[in-house]
Amino acid sequence: MRAQEQDGWVTRAAIEHIAAKLDMAYIRVYEIATFYTMFQLSPVGSRAHIQVCGTTPCMLRGSDDIMAACKARGMKKGHTTDDGLWTLTEVECMGNCASAPMVQINDDNYEDLTAERLDHILGELAAYPVPDGQVPLLERPQLVALNKVDVPEARIQQQRPRHGFMGVSEEQQAIEA
């Protein structure tokens, strides 16, 4: 991951360096880099890399609407926009099926999204000032504050799950009572 943080993507030179450092064949390191979607083998948008989960739970709960919201902002799946700011990727399961649909923007996860909430997040991100037309990798905006976008109280993870299952602390309280 450190190699990717330097340039925003894993270059051939980085793969060669890692292979030499680990005393492995180049192809073995390349195989690993191509297997995991967390490794980017080509440059991604300097403003944001938006990864939309496209597996069944997210599709059933609205990931197509999420993709449509990105498309409405000029993004195309599998491509970086002409201005080089945005990259949209559909990825396999990111492990948040219970709170689908979910999106990862740069290094931050957003769950229980609607197209409207994603559009708000993208609008906030688009409004971030861009020095000289680019956002240097280490100065990418922190989106943590944007996670607070109009999330219904019933969806906050600390709440009791919808299906009536008890959390560990609730179960312990029931046993003690």
C-alpha atoms as a PDB file:
ATOM      1  CA  MET A   1       0.000   0.000   0.000  1.00  0.00           C
ATOM      2  CA  ARG A   2       2.898   2.386   0.665  1.00  0.00           C
ATOM      3  CA  ALA A   3       3.952   2.134  -2.975  1.00  0.00           C
ATOM      4  CA  GLN A   4       0.439   3.142  -4.037  1.00  0.00           C
ATOM      5  CA  GLU A   5       0.357   6.071  -1.600  1.00  0.00           C
ATOM      6  CA  GLN A   6       3.410   7.633  -3.248  1.00  0.00           C
ATOM      7  CA  ASP A   7       1.912   8.043  -6.726  1.00  0.00           C
ATOM      8  CA  GLY A   8      -1.756   7.258  -6.146  1.00  0.00           C
ATOM      9  CA  TRP A   9      -1.362   3.998  -8.049  1.00  0.00           C
ATOM     10  CA  VAL A  10       1.056   1.058  -8.230  1.00  0.00           C
ATOM     11  CA  THR A  11       3.568   1.687 -10.986  1.00  0.00           C
ATOM     12  CA  ARG A  12       5.528  -0.998 -12.829  1.00  0.00           C
ATOM     13  CA  ALA A  13       8.678   0.359 -11.184  1.00  0.00           C
ATOM     14  CA  ALA A  14       7.082  -0.117  -7.757  1.00  0.00           C
ATOM     15  CA  ILE A  15       6.155  -3.727  -8.569  1.00  0.00           C
ATOM     16  CA  GLU A  16       9.696  -4.394  -9.774  1.00  0.00           C
ATOM     17  CA  HIS A  17      11.148  -2.835  -6.606  1.00  0.00           C
ATOM     18  CA  ILE A  18       8.841  -4.870  -4.337  1.00  0.00           C
ATOM     19  CA  ALA A  19       9.687  -8.071  -6.233  1.00  0.00           C
ATOM     20  CA  ALA A  20      13.422  -7.417  -5.851  1.00  0.00           C
ATOM     21  CA  LYS A  21      13.038  -6.530  -2.162  1.00  0.00           C
ATOM     22  CA  LEU A  22      11.122  -9.772  -1.490  1.00  0.00           C
ATOM     23  CA  ASP A  23      13.329 -11.838  -3.801  1.00  0.00           C
ATOM     24  CA  MET A  24      10.265 -12.862  -5.818  1.00  0.00           C
ATOM     25  CA  ALA A  25       9.618 -13.035  -9.530  1.00  0.00           C
ATOM     26  CA  TYR A  26       7.977  -9.900 -10.945  1.00  0.00           C
ATOM     27  CA  ILE A  27       4.992 -11.943 -12.171  1.00  0.00           C
ATOM     28  CA  ARG A  28       4.194 -13.166  -8.634  1.00  0.00           C
ATOM     29  CA  VAL A  29       3.945  -9.622  -7.269  1.00  0.00           C
ATOM     30  CA  TYR A  30       2.012  -8.543 -10.361  1.00  0.00           C
ATOM     31  CA  GLU A  31      -0.460 -11.404  -9.837  1.00  0.00           C
ATOM     32  CA  ILE A  32      -1.164 -10.184  -6.301  1.00  0.00           C
ATOM     33  CA  ALA A  33      -1.547  -6.575  -7.457  1.00  0.00           C
ATOM     34  CA  THR A  34      -4.026  -7.576 -10.168  1.00  0.00           C
ATOM     35  CA  PHE A  35      -6.032  -9.902  -7.910  1.00  0.00           C
ATOM     36  CA  TYR A  36      -6.966  -7.365  -5.215  1.00  0.00           C
ATOM     37  CA  THR A  37      -9.115  -4.380  -6.226  1.00  0.00           C
ATOM     38  CA  MET A  38      -7.486  -2.248  -3.532  1.00  0.00           C
ATOM     39  CA  PHE A  39      -4.415  -1.945  -5.761  1.00  0.00           C
ATOM     40  CA  GLN A  40      -4.747   0.519  -8.628  1.00  0.00           C
ATOM     41  CA  LEU A  41      -2.583  -0.329 -11.642  1.00  0.00           C
ATOM     42  CA  SER A  42      -3.328   2.901 -13.462  1.00  0.00           C
ATOM     43  CA  PRO A  43      -3.750   6.495 -12.298  1.00  0.00           C
ATOM     44  CA  VAL A  44      -7.035   7.362 -10.589  1.00  0.00           C
ATOM     45  CA  GLY A  45      -8.775  10.707 -10.217  1.00  0.00           C
ATOM     46  CA  SER A  46      -6.777  13.237  -8.249  1.00  0.00           C
ATOM     47  CA  ARG A  47      -9.939  14.496  -6.536  1.00  0.00           C
ATOM     48  CA  ALA A  48     -11.599  11.186  -5.737  1.00  0.00           C
ATOM     49  CA  HIS A  49     -11.636   7.523  -6.550  1.00  0.00           C
ATOM     50  CA  ILE A  50     -15.235   6.397  -6.100  1.00  0.00           C
ATOM     51  CA  GLN A  51     -15.712   2.653  -5.701  1.00  0.00           C
ATOM     52  CA  VAL A  52     -19.307   1.435  -5.802  1.00  0.00           C
ATOM     53  CA  CYS A  53     -20.126  -2.052  -4.574  1.00  0.00           C
ATOM     54  CA  GLY A  54     -21.975  -3.896  -7.325  1.00  0.00           C
ATOM     55  CA  THR A  55     -22.740  -7.217  -5.669  1.00  0.00           C
ATOM     56  CA  THR A  56     -26.240  -8.556  -5.036  1.00  0.00           C
ATOM     57  CA  PRO A  57     -27.018  -7.013  -1.601  1.00  0.00           C
ATOM     58  CA  CYS A  58     -25.983  -3.558  -2.781  1.00  0.00           C
ATOM     59  CA  MET A  59     -27.815  -3.992  -6.099  1.00  0.00           C
ATOM     60  CA  LEU A  60     -31.001  -5.014  -4.307  1.00  0.00           C
ATOM     61  CA  ARG A  61     -30.752  -1.943  -2.076  1.00  0.00           C
ATOM     62  CA  GLY A  62     -30.029   0.655  -4.759  1.00  0.00           C
ATOM     63  CA  SER A  63     -26.475   0.605  -6.083  1.00  0.00           C
ATOM     64  CA  ASP A  64     -27.868   1.229  -9.583  1.00  0.00           C
ATOM     65  CA  ASP A  65     -29.215   4.564  -8.297  1.00  0.00           C
ATOM     66  CA  ILE A  66     -25.779   5.282  -6.797  1.00  0.00           C
ATOM     67  CA  MET A  67     -24.154   4.644 -10.178  1.00  0.00           C
ATOM     68  CA  ALA A  68     -26.761   6.864 -11.855  1.00  0.00           C
ATOM     69  CA  ALA A  69     -25.910   9.697  -9.425  1.00  0.00           C
ATOM     70  CA  CYS A  70     -22.243   9.389 -10.403  1.00  0.00           C
ATOM     71  CA  LYS A  71     -23.148   9.284 -14.096  1.00  0.00           C
ATOM     72  CA  ALA A  72     -25.232  12.458 -13.660  1.00  0.00           C
ATOM     73  CA  ARG A  73     -22.033  14.174 -12.520  1.00  0.00           C
ATOM     74  CA  GLY A  74     -20.226  13.138 -15.714  1.00  0.00           C
ATOM     75  CA  MET A  75     -18.538   9.968 -14.457  1.00  0.00           C
ATOM     76  CA  LYS A  76     -18.388   6.737 -16.407  1.00  0.00           C
ATOM     77  CA  LYS A  77     -17.818   3.313 -14.845  1.00  0.00           C
ATOM     78  CA  GLY A  78     -14.244   2.156 -15.281  1.00  0.00           C
ATOM     79  CA  HIS A  79     -12.946   5.553 -16.398  1.00  0.00           C
ATOM     80  CA  THR A  80     -11.387   8.739 -15.116  1.00  0.00           C
ATOM     81  CA  THR A  81     -13.088  11.976 -16.153  1.00  0.00           C
ATOM     82  CA  ASP A  82     -11.428  14.086 -18.848  1.00  0.00           C
ATOM     83  CA  ASP A  83     -10.315  16.653 -16.251  1.00  0.00           C
ATOM     84  CA  GLY A  84      -8.536  13.873 -14.325  1.00  0.00           C
ATOM     85  CA  LEU A  85     -10.386  14.587 -11.087  1.00  0.00           C
ATOM     86  CA  TRP A  86     -12.814  11.677 -10.715  1.00  0.00           C
ATOM     87  CA  THR A  87     -12.537   7.923 -11.225  1.00  0.00           C
ATOM     88  CA  LEU A  88     -15.566   5.650 -10.926  1.00  0.00           C
ATOM     89  CA  THR A  89     -15.077   1.923 -10.363  1.00  0.00           C
ATOM     90  CA  GLU A  90     -17.542  -0.862  -9.675  1.00  0.00           C
ATOM     91  CA  VAL A  91     -16.026  -3.317  -7.213  1.00  0.00           C
ATOM     92  CA  GLU A  92     -16.919  -6.621  -5.623  1.00  0.00           C
ATOM     93  CA  CYS A  93     -18.212  -6.947  -2.084  1.00  0.00           C
ATOM     94  CA  MET A  94     -16.629  -4.595   0.430  1.00  0.00           C
ATOM     95  CA  GLY A  95     -18.101  -6.395   3.426  1.00  0.00           C
ATOM     96  CA  ASN A  96     -20.938  -4.044   4.381  1.00  0.00           C
ATOM     97  CA  CYS A  97     -23.886  -6.074   3.121  1.00  0.00           C
ATOM     98  CA  ALA A  98     -26.036  -5.294   6.175  1.00  0.00           C
ATOM     99  CA  SER A  99     -25.799  -1.575   5.463  1.00  0.00           C
ATOM    100  CA  ALA A 100     -25.954  -1.651   1.681  1.00  0.00           C
ATOM    101  CA  PRO A 101     -25.552   0.116  -0.640  1.00  0.00           C
ATOM    102  CA  MET A 102     -22.077   1.288   0.160  1.00  0.00           C
ATOM    103  CA  VAL A 103     -19.398   3.318  -1.555  1.00  0.00           C
ATOM    104  CA  GLN A 104     -15.748   3.901  -0.784  1.00  0.00           C
ATOM    105  CA  ILE A 105     -14.466   7.348  -1.696  1.00  0.00           C
ATOM    106  CA  ASN A 106     -10.686   7.465  -1.476  1.00  0.00           C
ATOM    107  CA  ASP A 107     -10.148   5.787   1.915  1.00  0.00           C
ATOM    108  CA  ASP A 108     -13.539   6.513   3.496  1.00  0.00           C
ATOM    109  CA  ASN A 109     -16.594   4.234   3.489  1.00  0.00           C
ATOM    110  CA  TYR A 110     -20.182   5.469   3.174  1.00  0.00           C
ATOM    111  CA  GLU A 111     -23.037   3.108   3.994  1.00  0.00           C
ATOM    112  CA  ASP A 112     -26.834   3.127   3.733  1.00  0.00           C
ATOM    113  CA  LEU A 113     -26.554   5.559   0.861  1.00  0.00           C
ATOM    114  CA  THR A 114     -29.246   6.997  -1.316  1.00  0.00           C
ATOM    115  CA  ALA A 115     -28.543   8.756  -4.584  1.00  0.00           C
ATOM    116  CA  GLU A 116     -29.449  12.057  -2.895  1.00  0.00           C
ATOM    117  CA  ARG A 117     -26.994  11.573  -0.021  1.00  0.00           C
ATOM    118  CA  LEU A 118     -24.220  10.530  -2.394  1.00  0.00           C
ATOM    119  CA  ASP A 119     -24.925  13.554  -4.570  1.00  0.00           C
ATOM    120  CA  HIS A 120     -24.583  15.764  -1.472  1.00  0.00           C
ATOM    121  CA  ILE A 121     -21.260  14.131  -0.559  1.00  0.00           C
ATOM    122  CA  LEU A 122     -19.951  14.519  -4.115  1.00  0.00           C
ATOM    123  CA  GLY A 123     -21.096  18.151  -4.125  1.00  0.00           C
ATOM    124  CA  GLU A 124     -19.170  18.817  -0.925  1.00  0.00           C
ATOM    125  CA  LEU A 125     -16.127  17.116  -2.387  1.00  0.00           C
ATOM    126  CA  ALA A 126     -16.418  19.046  -5.648  1.00  0.00           C
ATOM    127  CA  ALA A 127     -16.504  22.324  -3.703  1.00  0.00           C
ATOM    128  CA  TYR A 128     -13.154  21.538  -2.066  1.00  0.00           C
ATOM    129  CA  PRO A 129     -10.569  24.057  -3.365  1.00  0.00           C
ATOM    130  CA  VAL A 130      -8.159  22.617  -5.922  1.00  0.00           C
ATOM    131  CA  PRO A 131      -4.717  24.275  -6.013  1.00  0.00           C
ATOM    132  CA  ASP A 132      -3.462  24.628  -9.589  1.00  0.00           C
ATOM    133  CA  GLY A 133      -6.088  22.212 -10.881  1.00  0.00           C
ATOM    134  CA  GLN A 134      -4.844  19.248  -8.830  1.00  0.00           C
ATOM    135  CA  VAL A 135      -5.196  17.904  -5.308  1.00  0.00           C
ATOM    136  CA  PRO A 136      -1.831  16.523  -4.203  1.00  0.00           C
ATOM    137  CA  LEU A 137      -2.172  12.991  -2.865  1.00  0.00           C
ATOM    138  CA  LEU A 138      -1.226  13.887   0.702  1.00  0.00           C
ATOM    139  CA  GLU A 139      -3.616  16.839   0.729  1.00  0.00           C
ATOM    140  CA  ARG A 140      -6.753  15.011  -0.363  1.00  0.00           C
ATOM    141  CA  PRO A 141      -9.777  16.280   1.532  1.00  0.00           C
ATOM    142  CA  GLN A 142     -10.781  14.360   4.622  1.00  0.00           C
ATOM    143  CA  LEU A 143     -14.357  13.190   4.127  1.00  0.00           C
ATOM    144  CA  VAL A 144     -14.938  11.956   7.654  1.00  0.00           C
ATOM    145  CA  ALA A 145     -17.073  14.994   8.512  1.00  0.00           C
ATOM    146  CA  LEU A 146     -19.245  14.289   5.481  1.00  0.00           C
ATOM    147  CA  ASN A 147     -20.229  10.910   6.935  1.00  0.00           C
ATOM    148  CA  LYS A 148     -22.773  12.790   9.054  1.00  0.00           C
ATOM    149  CA  VAL A 149     -24.982  13.489   6.038  1.00  0.00           C
ATOM    150  CA  ASP A 150     -28.620  13.055   7.089  1.00  0.00           C
ATOM    151  CA  VAL A 151     -28.333   9.475   8.343  1.00  0.00           C
ATOM    152  CA  PRO A 152     -31.625   8.299   9.852  1.00  0.00           C
ATOM    153  CA  GLU A 153     -31.290   7.393  13.530  1.00  0.00           C
ATOM    154  CA  ALA A 154     -32.602   3.881  12.869  1.00  0.00           C
ATOM    155  CA  ARG A 155     -29.573   3.222  10.647  1.00  0.00           C
ATOM    156  CA  ILE A 156     -26.841   4.171  13.114  1.00  0.00           C
ATOM    157  CA  GLN A 157     -24.843   1.038  13.834  1.00  0.00           C
ATOM    158  CA  GLN A 158     -25.013   1.478  17.605  1.00  0.00           C
ATOM    159  CA  GLN A 159     -28.785   1.009  17.390  1.00  0.00           C
ATOM    160  CA  ARG A 160     -30.452  -2.374  17.758  1.00  0.00           C
ATOM    161  CA  PRO A 161     -30.465  -4.214  14.401  1.00  0.00           C
ATOM    162  CA  ARG A 162     -33.705  -4.125  12.396  1.00  0.00           C
ATOM    163  CA  HIS A 163     -34.353  -7.837  12.628  1.00  0.00           C
ATOM    164  CA  GLY A 164     -34.553  -7.861  16.431  1.00  0.00           C
ATOM    165  CA  PHE A 165     -31.258  -9.596  17.102  1.00  0.00           C
ATOM    166  CA  MET A 166     -29.582  -8.392  20.264  1.00  0.00           C
ATOM    167  CA  GLY A 167     -26.097  -6.970  20.344  1.00  0.00           C
ATOM    168  CA  VAL A 168     -23.537  -8.454  22.712  1.00  0.00           C
ATOM    169  CA  SER A 169     -24.131  -5.848  25.431  1.00  0.00           C
ATOM    170  CA  GLU A 170     -27.935  -6.257  25.215  1.00  0.00           C
ATOM    171  CA  GLU A 171     -27.620 -10.033  25.380  1.00  0.00           C
ATOM    172  CA  GLN A 172     -25.329  -9.752  28.423  1.00  0.00           C
ATOM    173  CA  GLN A 173     -27.829  -7.418  30.138  1.00  0.00           C
ATOM    174  CA  ALA A 174     -30.646  -9.896  29.456  1.00  0.00           C
ATOM    175  CA  ILE A 175     -28.603 -12.751  30.954  1.00  0.00           C
ATOM    176  CA  GLU A 176     -27.742 -10.706  34.042  1.00  0.00           C
ATOM    177  CA  ALA A 177     -31.396  -9.665  34.601  1.00  0.00           C
END
